[in-house]
N, C-alpha and C. Protein backbone atom coordinates (compact mmCIF):
# COMPACT_ATOMS: atom_id res chain seq x y z
N UNK A 1 -34.71 38.23 44.02
CA UNK A 1 -35.55 37.98 44.67
C UNK A 1 -36.70 37.13 44.88
N UNK A 2 -37.15 36.13 46.11
CA UNK A 2 -37.83 35.39 45.91
C UNK A 2 -39.26 35.88 45.72
N UNK A 3 -40.38 35.11 45.36
CA UNK A 3 -41.63 35.70 45.03
C UNK A 3 -42.27 36.13 46.46
N UNK A 4 -41.77 35.75 47.54
CA UNK A 4 -42.39 35.78 49.16
C UNK A 4 -42.13 37.37 49.20
N UNK A 5 -40.68 37.77 48.92
CA UNK A 5 -40.36 39.00 48.94
C UNK A 5 -41.21 40.05 48.00
N UNK A 6 -41.16 39.33 47.04
CA UNK A 6 -41.96 40.51 46.06
C UNK A 6 -43.32 40.70 46.31
N UNK A 7 -44.09 39.73 47.00
CA UNK A 7 -45.39 39.97 47.62
C UNK A 7 -45.29 40.96 48.96
N UNK A 8 -44.20 40.84 49.44
CA UNK A 8 -44.30 42.10 50.83
C UNK A 8 -43.77 43.41 50.22
N UNK A 9 -42.76 43.76 49.27
CA UNK A 9 -42.62 44.67 48.66
C UNK A 9 -43.76 45.47 47.87
N UNK A 10 -44.79 44.57 47.28
CA UNK A 10 -45.92 44.92 46.47
C UNK A 10 -46.72 45.79 47.65
N UNK A 11 -46.87 44.79 48.66
CA UNK A 11 -47.82 45.35 49.87
C UNK A 11 -47.65 46.58 50.42
N UNK A 12 -45.95 46.67 50.69
CA UNK A 12 -45.45 47.80 51.27
C UNK A 12 -45.18 49.02 50.48
N UNK A 13 -45.22 48.87 49.23
CA UNK A 13 -44.71 50.05 48.41
C UNK A 13 -45.45 51.23 48.41
N UNK A 14 -46.66 51.30 48.14
CA UNK A 14 -47.83 52.19 48.17
C UNK A 14 -47.52 53.21 49.75
N UNK A 15 -47.22 52.18 50.66
CA UNK A 15 -47.14 53.31 52.10
C UNK A 15 -45.62 54.02 51.93
N UNK A 16 -44.81 53.72 51.08
CA UNK A 16 -43.81 54.38 50.82
C UNK A 16 -43.93 55.35 49.54
N UNK A 17 -45.03 55.25 48.97
CA UNK A 17 -44.81 56.29 47.56
C UNK A 17 -44.07 55.84 46.66
N UNK A 18 -43.92 54.42 46.58
CA UNK A 18 -43.33 53.85 45.57
C UNK A 18 -44.08 53.01 44.59
N UNK A 19 -43.76 53.14 43.37
CA UNK A 19 -44.49 52.46 42.36
C UNK A 19 -43.56 50.96 42.06
N UNK A 20 -44.06 50.03 43.00
CA UNK A 20 -43.37 48.88 42.84
C UNK A 20 -43.98 47.89 41.22
N UNK A 21 -43.06 47.36 40.53
CA UNK A 21 -43.30 47.02 39.27
C UNK A 21 -42.97 45.35 39.02
N UNK A 22 -42.88 44.67 39.60
CA UNK A 22 -42.93 43.54 39.90
C UNK A 22 -41.33 42.76 40.31
N UNK A 23 -41.40 41.71 39.49
CA UNK A 23 -40.20 40.95 39.94
C UNK A 23 -39.54 40.03 38.33
N UNK A 24 -38.66 39.60 37.93
CA UNK A 24 -38.32 38.61 37.18
C UNK A 24 -37.15 37.60 38.29
N UNK A 25 -37.27 36.54 37.49
CA UNK A 25 -36.58 35.34 37.90
C UNK A 25 -35.11 34.91 37.29
N UNK A 26 -34.11 35.07 38.16
CA UNK A 26 -32.81 34.66 37.15
C UNK A 26 -32.30 33.54 38.42
N UNK A 27 -31.86 32.50 37.58
CA UNK A 27 -30.91 31.58 38.19
C UNK A 27 -29.36 31.62 38.40
N UNK A 28 -28.44 31.40 38.95
CA UNK A 28 -26.69 31.47 39.44
C UNK A 28 -26.62 30.71 37.94
N UNK A 29 -27.23 30.03 37.32
CA UNK A 29 -26.65 28.99 36.58
C UNK A 29 -27.05 29.00 34.86
N UNK A 30 -27.97 30.21 35.03
CA UNK A 30 -28.58 30.95 33.70
C UNK A 30 -27.19 31.23 32.61
N UNK A 31 -27.58 31.05 31.65
CA UNK A 31 -26.27 31.16 30.45
C UNK A 31 -26.31 32.49 30.03
N UNK A 32 -27.66 33.29 30.21
CA UNK A 32 -27.55 34.79 30.02
C UNK A 32 -28.29 35.51 31.05
N UNK A 33 -28.52 36.69 30.99
CA UNK A 33 -29.33 37.45 31.90
C UNK A 33 -29.84 38.66 30.70
N UNK A 34 -29.35 38.30 29.46
CA UNK A 34 -30.18 39.11 28.71
C UNK A 34 -31.64 39.73 28.47
N UNK A 35 -32.35 38.58 29.06
CA UNK A 35 -33.97 38.58 28.76
C UNK A 35 -34.57 39.45 29.95
N UNK A 36 -34.16 38.75 31.01
CA UNK A 36 -34.42 39.53 32.55
C UNK A 36 -34.10 41.07 32.52
N UNK A 37 -32.74 41.19 31.93
CA UNK A 37 -32.62 42.55 32.11
C UNK A 37 -33.34 43.50 30.93
N UNK A 38 -33.58 42.88 30.02
CA UNK A 38 -34.22 43.61 28.93
C UNK A 38 -35.79 44.08 29.59
N UNK A 39 -36.30 42.84 30.51
CA UNK A 39 -37.45 43.05 31.00
C UNK A 39 -37.46 44.32 31.95
N UNK A 40 -36.59 44.48 32.62
CA UNK A 40 -36.33 45.26 33.67
C UNK A 40 -36.34 46.36 33.11
N UNK A 41 -35.34 46.79 32.33
CA UNK A 41 -34.96 48.09 31.62
C UNK A 41 -35.83 48.43 31.24
N UNK A 42 -36.88 47.58 30.31
CA UNK A 42 -38.18 48.12 29.66
C UNK A 42 -39.28 48.83 30.58
N UNK A 43 -39.14 48.36 32.03
CA UNK A 43 -40.08 48.69 33.10
C UNK A 43 -39.61 50.18 33.40
N UNK A 44 -38.46 50.99 33.07
CA UNK A 44 -37.82 52.11 33.16
C UNK A 44 -37.75 52.14 34.62
N UNK A 45 -37.26 51.43 35.79
CA UNK A 45 -37.18 51.27 37.36
C UNK A 45 -36.12 52.78 37.24
N UNK A 46 -36.41 53.36 39.19
CA UNK A 46 -35.28 54.05 39.34
C UNK A 46 -34.13 52.97 40.09
N UNK A 47 -34.58 51.98 40.95
CA UNK A 47 -34.19 51.22 41.54
C UNK A 47 -34.11 49.70 41.14
N UNK A 48 -33.12 48.90 40.47
CA UNK A 48 -33.17 47.30 40.61
C UNK A 48 -32.78 46.74 41.86
N UNK A 49 -33.57 45.90 42.70
CA UNK A 49 -33.02 45.21 43.42
C UNK A 49 -32.75 43.77 43.01
N UNK A 50 -31.45 43.69 43.33
CA UNK A 50 -30.87 42.11 43.30
C UNK A 50 -30.87 41.16 44.57
N UNK A 51 -32.00 40.30 44.65
CA UNK A 51 -32.13 39.42 45.62
C UNK A 51 -31.36 37.86 45.19
N UNK A 52 -30.26 38.16 45.11
CA UNK A 52 -29.50 37.09 44.45
C UNK A 52 -27.82 36.79 45.20
N UNK A 53 -27.34 36.06 44.78
CA UNK A 53 -25.85 35.75 45.26
C UNK A 53 -25.04 36.81 44.50
N UNK A 54 -23.86 36.98 45.27
CA UNK A 54 -22.93 38.12 44.83
C UNK A 54 -22.19 37.48 43.47
N UNK A 55 -22.14 36.63 43.02
CA UNK A 55 -21.76 36.68 41.76
C UNK A 55 -22.70 36.57 40.53
N UNK A 56 -23.85 36.28 40.85
CA UNK A 56 -25.29 36.66 40.11
C UNK A 56 -25.43 38.08 40.19
N UNK A 57 -25.25 38.89 41.22
CA UNK A 57 -25.20 40.29 40.99
C UNK A 57 -24.17 41.10 40.33
N UNK A 58 -22.94 40.50 40.07
CA UNK A 58 -22.22 41.26 39.26
C UNK A 58 -22.45 41.05 37.90
N UNK A 59 -23.02 39.77 37.58
CA UNK A 59 -23.49 39.30 36.35
C UNK A 59 -24.64 40.15 35.74
N UNK A 60 -25.70 40.21 36.43
CA UNK A 60 -27.03 41.18 36.43
C UNK A 60 -26.33 42.35 36.07
N UNK A 61 -25.60 43.13 36.84
CA UNK A 61 -25.25 44.56 37.02
C UNK A 61 -24.45 44.66 35.70
N UNK A 62 -23.85 43.82 35.02
CA UNK A 62 -23.05 43.85 34.00
C UNK A 62 -23.94 44.05 32.35
N UNK A 63 -24.52 42.82 32.81
CA UNK A 63 -25.65 42.36 31.65
C UNK A 63 -26.82 43.89 31.47
N UNK A 64 -27.43 44.20 32.62
CA UNK A 64 -28.52 45.33 32.54
C UNK A 64 -27.70 46.86 32.26
N UNK A 65 -26.42 47.20 32.48
CA UNK A 65 -25.75 48.35 32.21
C UNK A 65 -25.62 48.19 30.55
N UNK A 66 -25.40 46.68 29.93
CA UNK A 66 -25.11 46.74 28.42
C UNK A 66 -26.79 46.94 27.92
N UNK A 67 -27.87 46.31 28.65
CA UNK A 67 -29.10 46.80 28.09
C UNK A 67 -29.58 48.38 27.98
N UNK A 68 -28.70 49.24 28.45
CA UNK A 68 -28.87 50.61 28.94
C UNK A 68 -29.55 51.01 30.17
N UNK A 69 -29.48 50.14 31.19
CA UNK A 69 -29.73 50.53 32.45
C UNK A 69 -28.23 51.53 33.11
N UNK A 70 -29.05 52.69 33.66
CA UNK A 70 -28.13 53.67 34.27
C UNK A 70 -28.37 54.16 35.56
N UNK A 71 -29.45 53.52 35.96
CA UNK A 71 -30.16 53.83 37.60
C UNK A 71 -29.43 53.18 38.70
N UNK A 72 -29.91 52.92 39.95
CA UNK A 72 -29.52 52.55 41.08
C UNK A 72 -30.03 50.85 41.25
N UNK A 73 -28.80 50.58 41.88
CA UNK A 73 -29.11 48.81 41.98
C UNK A 73 -29.12 48.57 43.75
N UNK A 74 -30.12 47.86 44.06
CA UNK A 74 -29.71 47.50 45.57
C UNK A 74 -30.03 46.05 45.90
N UNK A 75 -29.59 45.68 47.04
CA UNK A 75 -29.48 44.09 47.19
C UNK A 75 -29.63 44.29 48.99
N UNK A 76 -30.10 43.36 49.49
CA UNK A 76 -30.13 42.94 50.85
C UNK A 76 -30.35 41.08 51.05
N UNK A 77 -30.43 40.74 51.96
CA UNK A 77 -30.75 38.94 52.12
C UNK A 77 -29.37 39.02 52.46
N UNK A 78 -28.39 39.62 52.94
CA UNK A 78 -26.91 38.95 52.96
C UNK A 78 -26.21 38.40 51.74
N UNK A 79 -26.68 39.23 50.65
CA UNK A 79 -26.21 38.60 49.35
C UNK A 79 -24.74 39.59 48.80
N UNK A 80 -24.53 40.88 49.60
CA UNK A 80 -23.81 41.80 49.09
C UNK A 80 -22.58 41.20 49.75
N UNK A 81 -21.21 41.48 48.83
CA UNK A 81 -20.50 41.14 49.20
C UNK A 81 -18.98 42.53 48.39
N UNK A 82 -19.15 43.66 49.35
CA UNK A 82 -18.49 44.91 48.82
C UNK A 82 -17.52 44.49 47.93
N UNK A 83 -16.44 43.50 48.10
CA UNK A 83 -15.28 43.31 47.35
C UNK A 83 -15.59 43.10 45.95
N UNK A 84 -16.74 42.30 45.40
CA UNK A 84 -17.21 42.10 44.59
C UNK A 84 -17.57 43.38 43.31
N UNK A 85 -17.99 44.55 44.27
CA UNK A 85 -18.45 45.37 43.51
C UNK A 85 -17.89 46.59 43.39
N UNK A 86 -16.40 46.37 44.19
CA UNK A 86 -15.76 47.79 43.89
C UNK A 86 -15.14 47.89 42.63
N UNK A 87 -14.97 47.28 41.68
CA UNK A 87 -14.48 47.28 40.33
C UNK A 87 -15.47 47.60 39.53
N UNK A 88 -16.60 48.02 39.81
CA UNK A 88 -17.90 48.31 38.83
C UNK A 88 -17.69 49.95 38.72
N UNK A 89 -17.43 50.39 37.34
CA UNK A 89 -17.41 51.75 37.19
C UNK A 89 -18.82 52.28 36.88
N UNK A 90 -19.13 53.74 37.95
CA UNK A 90 -19.99 54.28 38.05
C UNK A 90 -21.47 53.59 38.63
N UNK A 91 -21.11 52.73 39.54
CA UNK A 91 -22.11 51.73 39.91
C UNK A 91 -22.55 52.77 41.35
N UNK A 92 -23.98 52.76 41.34
CA UNK A 92 -24.51 53.36 42.60
C UNK A 92 -25.39 52.25 43.23
N UNK A 93 -25.19 52.01 44.44
CA UNK A 93 -25.63 50.66 44.81
C UNK A 93 -25.95 51.22 46.46
N UNK A 94 -27.46 50.53 46.63
CA UNK A 94 -27.80 50.32 48.16
C UNK A 94 -27.78 49.14 48.56
N UNK A 95 -27.45 48.93 49.67
CA UNK A 95 -27.45 47.56 50.44
C UNK A 95 -28.48 47.66 51.68
N UNK A 96 -29.31 46.69 51.96
CA UNK A 96 -29.59 47.15 53.15
C UNK A 96 -29.72 45.75 54.06
């Protein structure tokens, strides 16, 4: 998710009774997503929003699941390609 979207989410969250906990930055070419997933999982979120490309979504889900996350994922910004997600066992995913 870009910093601009994070600011928007942070401003809107209280109106929806949502506890917005910030964001982490990842890149498609990152060799590992362990550190950002550990940070995210450590915040004990109900939902992790993935505002990245479809291949990065798949890689982030795999890594965050390895780090113990078992909550819901979401994405928007036209980054979701359903075919990329169908083989992920137990995935709960929201798309907007």
